Amino acid sequence: MDDITYLSIAYLGMIFGIAIWTWTVVSRSRILERRITAMEDSLNIDSKPIDSIAATNDADEE
């Protein structure tokens, strides 16, 4: 086989590997987000950020 064929197969393998990795990260992120939302709902927590600096900056902008 030519060197170009090996290079093409390597690039396709790399793209396939990156696609699988990206799908895995997005999937785990969605699962984590659902778990966090379920925990907030079960504890009756509002999902607004509780950050004094962010709250101060938001109040200054209004």
Protein backbone atom coordinates (compact mmCIF):
# COMPACT_ATOMS: atom_id res chain seq x y z
CA MET A 1 0.00 0.00 0.00
CA ASP A 2 1.08 3.53 -0.63
CA ASP A 3 2.08 5.91 2.10
CA ILE A 4 -0.96 8.05 1.26
CA THR A 5 -3.25 5.08 1.96
CA TYR A 6 -1.72 4.55 5.38
CA LEU A 7 -1.98 8.27 6.10
CA SER A 8 -5.63 8.32 5.00
CA ILE A 9 -6.48 5.34 7.20
CA ALA A 10 -4.67 6.96 10.14
CA TYR A 11 -6.57 10.24 9.68
CA LEU A 12 -9.91 8.43 9.43
CA GLY A 13 -9.07 6.46 12.56
CA MET A 14 -8.14 9.66 14.38
CA ILE A 15 -11.37 11.39 13.32
CA PHE A 16 -13.37 8.32 14.39
CA GLY A 17 -11.58 8.25 17.74
CA ILE A 18 -12.22 11.95 18.35
CA ALA A 19 -15.89 11.46 17.43
CA ILE A 20 -16.27 8.62 19.94
CA TRP A 21 -14.50 10.64 22.63
CA THR A 22 -16.70 13.69 21.96
CA TRP A 23 -19.88 11.60 22.06
CA THR A 24 -18.77 10.05 25.36
CA VAL A 25 -18.02 13.45 26.95
CA VAL A 26 -21.34 14.94 25.80
CA SER A 27 -23.24 11.86 26.96
CA ARG A 28 -21.65 11.94 30.41
CA SER A 29 -22.27 15.68 30.65
CA ARG A 30 -25.97 15.20 29.93
CA ILE A 31 -26.22 12.40 32.49
CA LEU A 32 -24.46 14.56 35.08
CA GLU A 33 -26.74 17.51 34.34
CA ARG A 34 -29.83 15.31 34.78
CA ARG A 35 -28.49 13.98 38.09
CA ILE A 36 -27.77 17.50 39.35
CA THR A 37 -31.23 18.66 38.33
CA ALA A 38 -32.84 15.67 40.04
CA MET A 39 -30.84 16.36 43.21
CA GLU A 40 -31.83 20.05 43.17
CA ASP A 41 -35.48 19.09 42.68
CA SER A 42 -35.41 16.56 45.51
CA LEU A 43 -33.80 19.08 47.86
CA ASN A 44 -36.06 21.96 46.71
CA ILE A 45 -33.04 24.04 45.73
CA ASP A 46 -33.36 26.85 43.24
CA SER A 47 -30.80 26.39 40.47
CA LYS A 48 -29.82 30.06 40.46
CA PRO A 49 -26.14 30.62 41.23
CA ILE A 50 -25.40 31.36 44.86
CA ASP A 51 -22.38 33.56 44.41
CA SER A 52 -22.13 36.83 46.32
CA ILE A 53 -19.85 38.43 43.74
CA ALA A 54 -22.10 37.48 40.83
CA ALA A 55 -25.15 38.71 42.76
CA THR A 56 -23.43 42.01 43.46
CA ASN A 57 -22.46 42.45 39.80
CA ASP A 58 -26.01 41.65 38.66
CA ALA A 59 -27.46 44.18 41.11
CA ASP A 60 -25.03 46.87 39.89
CA GLU A 61 -26.06 46.34 36.26
CA GLU A 62 -29.76 46.86 36.98
